[in-house]
């Protein structure tokens, strides 16, 4: 059981880290796209 937990814990941590990294990339890309759209809207408004 201990050997199994020693095997399972690092891979689980790695999976969580990879998931958080991909989520962060997705969120930063979405934020960049939204800020770009907002800047374009702000520039196209007359006031």
N, C-alpha and C. Protein backbone atom coordinates (compact mmCIF):
# COMPACT_ATOMS: atom_id res chain seq x y z
N UNK A 1 0.82 -1.20 0.00
CA UNK A 1 0.00 0.00 0.00
C UNK A 1 0.87 1.26 0.00
N UNK A 2 1.93 1.24 0.80
CA UNK A 2 2.79 2.42 0.85
C UNK A 2 3.51 2.63 -0.49
N UNK A 3 3.95 1.53 -1.10
CA UNK A 3 4.62 1.64 -2.39
C UNK A 3 3.64 2.17 -3.43
N UNK A 4 2.40 1.74 -3.35
CA UNK A 4 1.38 2.21 -4.29
C UNK A 4 1.14 3.71 -4.12
N UNK A 5 1.05 4.14 -2.86
CA UNK A 5 0.82 5.57 -2.61
C UNK A 5 2.04 6.38 -3.05
N UNK A 6 3.24 5.83 -2.88
CA UNK A 6 4.44 6.52 -3.33
C UNK A 6 4.45 6.64 -4.86
N UNK A 7 3.88 5.66 -5.52
CA UNK A 7 3.81 5.72 -6.99
C UNK A 7 2.74 6.71 -7.44
N UNK A 8 1.63 6.73 -6.72
CA UNK A 8 0.46 7.47 -7.19
C UNK A 8 0.56 8.97 -6.90
N UNK A 9 1.19 9.34 -5.79
CA UNK A 9 1.19 10.74 -5.39
C UNK A 9 1.93 11.66 -6.37
N UNK A 10 3.16 11.33 -6.82
CA UNK A 10 3.83 12.24 -7.75
C UNK A 10 3.10 12.39 -9.08
N UNK A 11 2.53 11.31 -9.59
CA UNK A 11 1.83 11.41 -10.87
C UNK A 11 0.56 12.25 -10.71
N UNK A 12 -0.10 12.11 -9.56
CA UNK A 12 -1.28 12.92 -9.30
C UNK A 12 -0.92 14.40 -9.20
N UNK A 13 0.17 14.69 -8.49
CA UNK A 13 0.63 16.08 -8.39
C UNK A 13 0.99 16.63 -9.76
N UNK A 14 1.65 15.81 -10.57
CA UNK A 14 2.03 16.24 -11.91
C UNK A 14 0.80 16.52 -12.76
N UNK A 15 -0.21 15.67 -12.65
CA UNK A 15 -1.44 15.87 -13.41
C UNK A 15 -2.13 17.17 -12.99
N UNK A 16 -2.17 17.43 -11.69
CA UNK A 16 -2.79 18.66 -11.19
C UNK A 16 -2.01 19.88 -11.67
N UNK A 17 -0.67 19.79 -11.65
CA UNK A 17 0.16 20.90 -12.11
C UNK A 17 -0.05 21.16 -13.59
N UNK A 18 -0.10 20.10 -14.39
CA UNK A 18 -0.32 20.27 -15.83
C UNK A 18 -1.71 20.86 -16.09
N UNK A 19 -2.71 20.41 -15.33
CA UNK A 19 -4.07 20.93 -15.50
C UNK A 19 -4.12 22.40 -15.15
N UNK A 20 -3.49 22.80 -14.04
CA UNK A 20 -3.45 24.21 -13.64
C UNK A 20 -2.71 25.04 -14.67
N UNK A 21 -1.63 24.49 -15.25
CA UNK A 21 -0.86 25.24 -16.24
C UNK A 21 -1.69 25.48 -17.49
N UNK A 22 -2.38 24.45 -17.98
CA UNK A 22 -3.20 24.61 -19.18
C UNK A 22 -4.36 25.56 -18.90
N UNK A 23 -4.92 25.48 -17.69
CA UNK A 23 -6.01 26.38 -17.31
C UNK A 23 -5.51 27.82 -17.27
N UNK A 24 -4.32 28.02 -16.73
CA UNK A 24 -3.75 29.36 -16.67
C UNK A 24 -3.49 29.93 -18.06
N UNK A 25 -3.00 29.08 -18.97
CA UNK A 25 -2.77 29.51 -20.34
C UNK A 25 -4.10 29.90 -20.99
N UNK A 26 -5.13 29.10 -20.75
CA UNK A 26 -6.44 29.39 -21.32
C UNK A 26 -6.99 30.71 -20.78
N UNK A 27 -6.85 30.91 -19.46
CA UNK A 27 -7.39 32.12 -18.85
C UNK A 27 -6.62 33.36 -19.31
N UNK A 28 -5.30 33.26 -19.43
CA UNK A 28 -4.52 34.42 -19.87
C UNK A 28 -4.84 34.76 -21.33
N UNK A 29 -5.03 33.74 -22.17
CA UNK A 29 -5.40 34.00 -23.56
C UNK A 29 -6.77 34.66 -23.64
N UNK A 30 -7.71 34.18 -22.83
CA UNK A 30 -9.05 34.78 -22.81
C UNK A 30 -8.98 36.22 -22.33
N UNK A 31 -8.17 36.47 -21.30
CA UNK A 31 -8.05 37.82 -20.76
C UNK A 31 -7.43 38.76 -21.79
N UNK A 32 -6.39 38.30 -22.50
CA UNK A 32 -5.77 39.12 -23.54
C UNK A 32 -6.78 39.43 -24.64
N UNK A 33 -7.55 38.43 -25.05
CA UNK A 33 -8.55 38.63 -26.11
C UNK A 33 -9.61 39.63 -25.66
N UNK A 34 -10.09 39.49 -24.41
CA UNK A 34 -11.13 40.39 -23.90
C UNK A 34 -10.61 41.82 -23.79
N UNK A 35 -9.39 41.99 -23.29
CA UNK A 35 -8.84 43.34 -23.17
C UNK A 35 -8.62 43.96 -24.55
N UNK A 36 -8.21 43.14 -25.53
CA UNK A 36 -8.04 43.63 -26.89
C UNK A 36 -9.38 44.11 -27.46
N UNK A 37 -10.43 43.32 -27.26
CA UNK A 37 -11.76 43.69 -27.75
C UNK A 37 -12.25 44.96 -27.06
N UNK A 38 -12.01 45.06 -25.76
CA UNK A 38 -12.45 46.25 -25.02
C UNK A 38 -11.71 47.49 -25.51
N UNK A 39 -10.42 47.37 -25.78
CA UNK A 39 -9.65 48.51 -26.28
C UNK A 39 -10.17 48.92 -27.66
N UNK A 40 -10.46 47.94 -28.50
CA UNK A 40 -10.98 48.26 -29.83
C UNK A 40 -12.34 48.95 -29.72
N UNK A 41 -13.19 48.48 -28.84
CA UNK A 41 -14.50 49.11 -28.64
C UNK A 41 -14.33 50.54 -28.12
N UNK A 42 -13.41 50.72 -27.20
CA UNK A 42 -13.19 52.04 -26.61
C UNK A 42 -12.67 53.01 -27.68
N UNK A 43 -11.82 52.50 -28.57
CA UNK A 43 -11.28 53.37 -29.62
C UNK A 43 -12.33 53.69 -30.67
N UNK A 44 -13.26 52.80 -30.91
CA UNK A 44 -14.27 53.03 -31.94
C UNK A 44 -15.42 53.91 -31.45
N UNK A 45 -15.54 54.07 -30.12
CA UNK A 45 -16.60 54.92 -29.60
C UNK A 45 -16.26 56.40 -29.81
N UNK A 46 -17.24 57.24 -30.08
CA UNK A 46 -16.94 58.64 -30.35
C UNK A 46 -16.59 59.46 -29.11
N UNK A 47 -17.00 59.01 -27.91
CA UNK A 47 -16.74 59.84 -26.73
C UNK A 47 -15.59 59.33 -25.89
